[in-house]
Amino acid sequence: MVEQKITPNQVTYNSLIEVCVRCGRVDDAWGILTQMRNKRVKPDNYTLSSLIKGVKPCRDYFNQNGDDVSCDTDTRVMRALFIVGEMHRKPNEFGDKPDEILYNCLIDLCVRFRDTKTALKVFDQMRGYGIHPSSITFGILIKAFG
């Protein structure tokens, strides 16, 4: 695209991020988010939901040879929490305000990392912003205690 002088848009970046996540290359996907923002292309709820769904606990990360890869679990969760917070703090830099689906992904991330306390904080934050939880939201929270 660059060689053809075609400017990537939101759909292009979202597609690249989705492919990276599906291939287990989540760090590359986060790098694409950085490129996207540097090019002033606004990420949206789909962008961030894709990224957050791809974050896995360290025990699930392997390199191309199948060897364990070291990672910092707290950093992975904090990065996701931070980027959703940025959507609230810097709305001009994003294509959307956070929605219920994005918050469901964030709560589910906390549950997958067995961080029930943070999951409940995110749930409270969601409600504080006037985003109404659905039966899916409550199903995710039930998993935290099951």
C-alpha atoms as a PDB file:
ATOM      1  CA  MET A   1       0.000   0.000   0.000  1.00  0.00           C
ATOM      2  CA  VAL A   2       2.802   2.378   0.902  1.00  0.00           C
ATOM      3  CA  GLU A   3       4.594   1.631  -2.381  1.00  0.00           C
ATOM      4  CA  GLN A   4       1.341   2.299  -4.247  1.00  0.00           C
ATOM      5  CA  LYS A   5       0.896   5.549  -2.263  1.00  0.00           C
ATOM      6  CA  ILE A   6      -2.382   4.284  -0.800  1.00  0.00           C
ATOM      7  CA  THR A   7      -3.039   5.612   2.668  1.00  0.00           C
ATOM      8  CA  PRO A   8      -4.200   2.951   5.138  1.00  0.00           C
ATOM      9  CA  ASN A   9      -7.510   3.777   6.820  1.00  0.00           C
ATOM     10  CA  GLN A  10      -9.268   2.533   9.943  1.00  0.00           C
ATOM     11  CA  VAL A  11     -10.529  -0.623   8.198  1.00  0.00           C
ATOM     12  CA  THR A  12      -7.027  -1.440   6.972  1.00  0.00           C
ATOM     13  CA  TYR A  13      -5.498  -1.054  10.421  1.00  0.00           C
ATOM     14  CA  ASN A  14      -8.326  -2.970  12.103  1.00  0.00           C
ATOM     15  CA  SER A  15      -7.832  -5.821   9.622  1.00  0.00           C
ATOM     16  CA  LEU A  16      -4.092  -5.922  10.305  1.00  0.00           C
ATOM     17  CA  ILE A  17      -4.688  -5.919  14.058  1.00  0.00           C
ATOM     18  CA  GLU A  18      -7.278  -8.694  13.773  1.00  0.00           C
ATOM     19  CA  VAL A  19      -4.905 -10.872  11.721  1.00  0.00           C
ATOM     20  CA  CYS A  20      -2.059 -10.344  14.200  1.00  0.00           C
ATOM     21  CA  VAL A  21      -4.325 -11.276  17.110  1.00  0.00           C
ATOM     22  CA  ARG A  22      -5.598 -14.411  15.346  1.00  0.00           C
ATOM     23  CA  CYS A  23      -2.000 -15.467  14.677  1.00  0.00           C
ATOM     24  CA  GLY A  24      -1.012 -14.930  18.320  1.00  0.00           C
ATOM     25  CA  ARG A  25       1.136 -11.905  17.520  1.00  0.00           C
ATOM     26  CA  VAL A  26      -0.499  -9.592  20.032  1.00  0.00           C
ATOM     27  CA  ASP A  27       2.587  -7.455  20.585  1.00  0.00           C
ATOM     28  CA  ASP A  28       2.690  -6.780  16.839  1.00  0.00           C
ATOM     29  CA  ALA A  29      -0.993  -5.853  16.983  1.00  0.00           C
ATOM     30  CA  TRP A  30      -0.277  -3.292  19.713  1.00  0.00           C
ATOM     31  CA  GLY A  31       2.545  -1.947  17.530  1.00  0.00           C
ATOM     32  CA  ILE A  32       0.067  -1.475  14.705  1.00  0.00           C
ATOM     33  CA  LEU A  33      -2.175   0.477  17.091  1.00  0.00           C
ATOM     34  CA  THR A  34       0.778   2.788  17.735  1.00  0.00           C
ATOM     35  CA  GLN A  35       1.342   3.215  13.984  1.00  0.00           C
ATOM     36  CA  MET A  36      -2.355   3.861  13.516  1.00  0.00           C
ATOM     37  CA  ARG A  37      -2.389   6.598  16.136  1.00  0.00           C
ATOM     38  CA  ASN A  38       0.853   8.120  14.814  1.00  0.00           C
ATOM     39  CA  LYS A  39      -0.813   8.415  11.393  1.00  0.00           C
ATOM     40  CA  ARG A  40      -3.801  10.133  13.049  1.00  0.00           C
ATOM     41  CA  VAL A  41      -6.173   7.296  12.167  1.00  0.00           C
ATOM     42  CA  LYS A  42      -8.648   7.033  15.019  1.00  0.00           C
ATOM     43  CA  PRO A  43      -8.984   3.624  16.691  1.00  0.00           C
ATOM     44  CA  ASP A  44     -12.533   2.641  17.569  1.00  0.00           C
ATOM     45  CA  ASN A  45     -14.268   0.130  19.822  1.00  0.00           C
ATOM     46  CA  TYR A  46     -13.645  -2.631  17.291  1.00  0.00           C
ATOM     47  CA  THR A  47      -9.909  -1.861  17.244  1.00  0.00           C
ATOM     48  CA  LEU A  48      -9.548  -2.012  20.994  1.00  0.00           C
ATOM     49  CA  SER A  49     -11.897  -4.975  21.475  1.00  0.00           C
ATOM     50  CA  SER A  50      -9.773  -6.956  19.017  1.00  0.00           C
ATOM     51  CA  LEU A  51      -6.598  -6.063  20.877  1.00  0.00           C
ATOM     52  CA  ILE A  52      -8.016  -6.856  24.299  1.00  0.00           C
ATOM     53  CA  LYS A  53      -9.445 -10.215  23.182  1.00  0.00           C
ATOM     54  CA  GLY A  54      -5.953 -11.185  22.041  1.00  0.00           C
ATOM     55  CA  VAL A  55      -4.260 -10.589  25.395  1.00  0.00           C
ATOM     56  CA  LYS A  56      -3.576 -13.882  27.152  1.00  0.00           C
ATOM     57  CA  PRO A  57      -1.973 -14.827  30.439  1.00  0.00           C
ATOM     58  CA  CYS A  58       1.772 -15.417  30.147  1.00  0.00           C
ATOM     59  CA  ARG A  59       1.389 -19.179  30.379  1.00  0.00           C
ATOM     60  CA  ASP A  60      -0.408 -19.054  27.012  1.00  0.00           C
ATOM     61  CA  TYR A  61       2.421 -17.286  25.161  1.00  0.00           C
ATOM     62  CA  PHE A  62       4.861 -19.258  23.037  1.00  0.00           C
ATOM     63  CA  ASN A  63       7.311 -18.216  20.372  1.00  0.00           C
ATOM     64  CA  GLN A  64       7.354 -19.707  16.870  1.00  0.00           C
ATOM     65  CA  ASN A  65       9.406 -22.684  18.140  1.00  0.00           C
ATOM     66  CA  GLY A  66       6.813 -23.512  20.792  1.00  0.00           C
ATOM     67  CA  ASP A  67       9.025 -22.323  23.661  1.00  0.00           C
ATOM     68  CA  ASP A  68       7.600 -20.326  26.560  1.00  0.00           C
ATOM     69  CA  VAL A  69       7.997 -16.582  26.173  1.00  0.00           C
ATOM     70  CA  SER A  70       8.481 -14.467  29.260  1.00  0.00           C
ATOM     71  CA  CYS A  71       6.015 -11.648  29.724  1.00  0.00           C
ATOM     72  CA  ASP A  72       4.698  -9.375  32.422  1.00  0.00           C
ATOM     73  CA  THR A  73       1.055 -10.236  33.122  1.00  0.00           C
ATOM     74  CA  ASP A  74       0.365  -7.016  35.018  1.00  0.00           C
ATOM     75  CA  THR A  75       1.710  -4.926  32.148  1.00  0.00           C
ATOM     76  CA  ARG A  76      -0.584  -6.656  29.669  1.00  0.00           C
ATOM     77  CA  VAL A  77      -3.709  -5.959  31.738  1.00  0.00           C
ATOM     78  CA  MET A  78      -2.594  -2.438  32.657  1.00  0.00           C
ATOM     79  CA  ARG A  79      -1.985  -1.577  28.989  1.00  0.00           C
ATOM     80  CA  ALA A  80      -5.569  -2.595  28.145  1.00  0.00           C
ATOM     81  CA  LEU A  81      -6.992  -0.654  31.097  1.00  0.00           C
ATOM     82  CA  PHE A  82      -4.923   2.388  30.159  1.00  0.00           C
ATOM     83  CA  ILE A  83      -6.014   2.498  26.521  1.00  0.00           C
ATOM     84  CA  VAL A  84      -9.709   2.331  27.447  1.00  0.00           C
ATOM     85  CA  GLY A  85      -9.092   5.093  29.985  1.00  0.00           C
ATOM     86  CA  GLU A  86      -7.505   7.146  27.209  1.00  0.00           C
ATOM     87  CA  MET A  87     -10.718   6.838  25.210  1.00  0.00           C
ATOM     88  CA  HIS A  88     -12.422   8.719  28.027  1.00  0.00           C
ATOM     89  CA  ARG A  89      -9.592  11.207  28.626  1.00  0.00           C
ATOM     90  CA  LYS A  90      -8.818  11.973  24.953  1.00  0.00           C
ATOM     91  CA  PRO A  91     -12.047  11.479  23.003  1.00  0.00           C
ATOM     92  CA  ASN A  92     -10.725  13.520  20.037  1.00  0.00           C
ATOM     93  CA  GLU A  93      -8.105  10.812  19.375  1.00  0.00           C
ATOM     94  CA  PHE A  94     -10.603   7.954  19.104  1.00  0.00           C
ATOM     95  CA  GLY A  95     -13.418   7.127  16.706  1.00  0.00           C
ATOM     96  CA  ASP A  96     -15.880   6.163  19.448  1.00  0.00           C
ATOM     97  CA  LYS A  97     -16.632   6.394  23.115  1.00  0.00           C
ATOM     98  CA  PRO A  98     -16.174   3.052  24.907  1.00  0.00           C
ATOM     99  CA  ASP A  99     -19.250   0.866  24.586  1.00  0.00           C
ATOM    100  CA  GLU A 100     -20.677  -2.169  26.369  1.00  0.00           C
ATOM    101  CA  ILE A 101     -18.860  -4.619  24.098  1.00  0.00           C
ATOM    102  CA  LEU A 102     -15.484  -3.016  24.785  1.00  0.00           C
ATOM    103  CA  TYR A 103     -16.148  -3.061  28.523  1.00  0.00           C
ATOM    104  CA  ASN A 104     -17.241  -6.703  28.295  1.00  0.00           C
ATOM    105  CA  CYS A 105     -13.892  -7.502  26.640  1.00  0.00           C
ATOM    106  CA  LEU A 106     -12.045  -5.620  29.373  1.00  0.00           C
ATOM    107  CA  ILE A 107     -13.955  -7.353  32.182  1.00  0.00           C
ATOM    108  CA  ASP A 108     -13.404 -10.707  30.487  1.00  0.00           C
ATOM    109  CA  LEU A 109      -9.678  -9.954  30.272  1.00  0.00           C
ATOM    110  CA  CYS A 110      -9.575  -9.399  34.027  1.00  0.00           C
ATOM    111  CA  VAL A 111     -11.515 -12.615  34.611  1.00  0.00           C
ATOM    112  CA  ARG A 112      -9.138 -14.590  32.352  1.00  0.00           C
ATOM    113  CA  PHE A 113      -6.245 -13.230  34.421  1.00  0.00           C
ATOM    114  CA  ARG A 114      -8.115 -14.220  37.595  1.00  0.00           C
ATOM    115  CA  ASP A 115      -8.256 -10.600  38.754  1.00  0.00           C
ATOM    116  CA  THR A 116     -11.788 -10.444  40.135  1.00  0.00           C
ATOM    117  CA  LYS A 117     -11.116  -7.253  42.082  1.00  0.00           C
ATOM    118  CA  THR A 118     -10.155  -5.328  38.935  1.00  0.00           C
ATOM    119  CA  ALA A 119     -13.025  -6.897  36.968  1.00  0.00           C
ATOM    120  CA  LEU A 120     -15.473  -5.488  39.525  1.00  0.00           C
ATOM    121  CA  LYS A 121     -13.767  -2.076  39.404  1.00  0.00           C
ATOM    122  CA  VAL A 122     -14.079  -2.047  35.621  1.00  0.00           C
ATOM    123  CA  PHE A 123     -17.744  -3.043  35.950  1.00  0.00           C
ATOM    124  CA  ASP A 124     -18.321  -0.132  38.351  1.00  0.00           C
ATOM    125  CA  GLN A 125     -16.473   2.219  36.004  1.00  0.00           C
ATOM    126  CA  MET A 126     -18.624   1.019  33.120  1.00  0.00           C
ATOM    127  CA  ARG A 127     -21.789   1.806  35.040  1.00  0.00           C
ATOM    128  CA  GLY A 128     -20.320   5.121  36.221  1.00  0.00           C
ATOM    129  CA  TYR A 129     -19.971   6.191  32.597  1.00  0.00           C
ATOM    130  CA  GLY A 130     -23.620   5.331  31.983  1.00  0.00           C
ATOM    131  CA  ILE A 131     -22.882   2.207  29.963  1.00  0.00           C
ATOM    132  CA  HIS A 132     -25.551  -0.335  30.756  1.00  0.00           C
ATOM    133  CA  PRO A 133     -24.442  -3.927  31.384  1.00  0.00           C
ATOM    134  CA  SER A 134     -26.196  -6.699  29.505  1.00  0.00           C
ATOM    135  CA  SER A 135     -26.796 -10.341  30.303  1.00  0.00           C
ATOM    136  CA  ILE A 136     -23.452 -10.996  28.602  1.00  0.00           C
ATOM    137  CA  THR A 137     -21.728  -8.653  31.059  1.00  0.00           C
ATOM    138  CA  PHE A 138     -23.266 -10.487  33.996  1.00  0.00           C
ATOM    139  CA  GLY A 139     -22.355 -13.848  32.462  1.00  0.00           C
ATOM    140  CA  ILE A 140     -18.723 -12.752  32.287  1.00  0.00           C
ATOM    141  CA  LEU A 141     -18.813 -11.657  35.917  1.00  0.00           C
ATOM    142  CA  ILE A 142     -20.390 -14.959  36.983  1.00  0.00           C
ATOM    143  CA  LYS A 143     -17.388 -16.750  35.407  1.00  0.00           C
ATOM    144  CA  ALA A 144     -15.162 -14.819  37.821  1.00  0.00           C
ATOM    145  CA  PHE A 145     -16.844 -16.501  40.778  1.00  0.00           C
ATOM    146  CA  GLY A 146     -17.445 -19.920  39.215  1.00  0.00           C
END
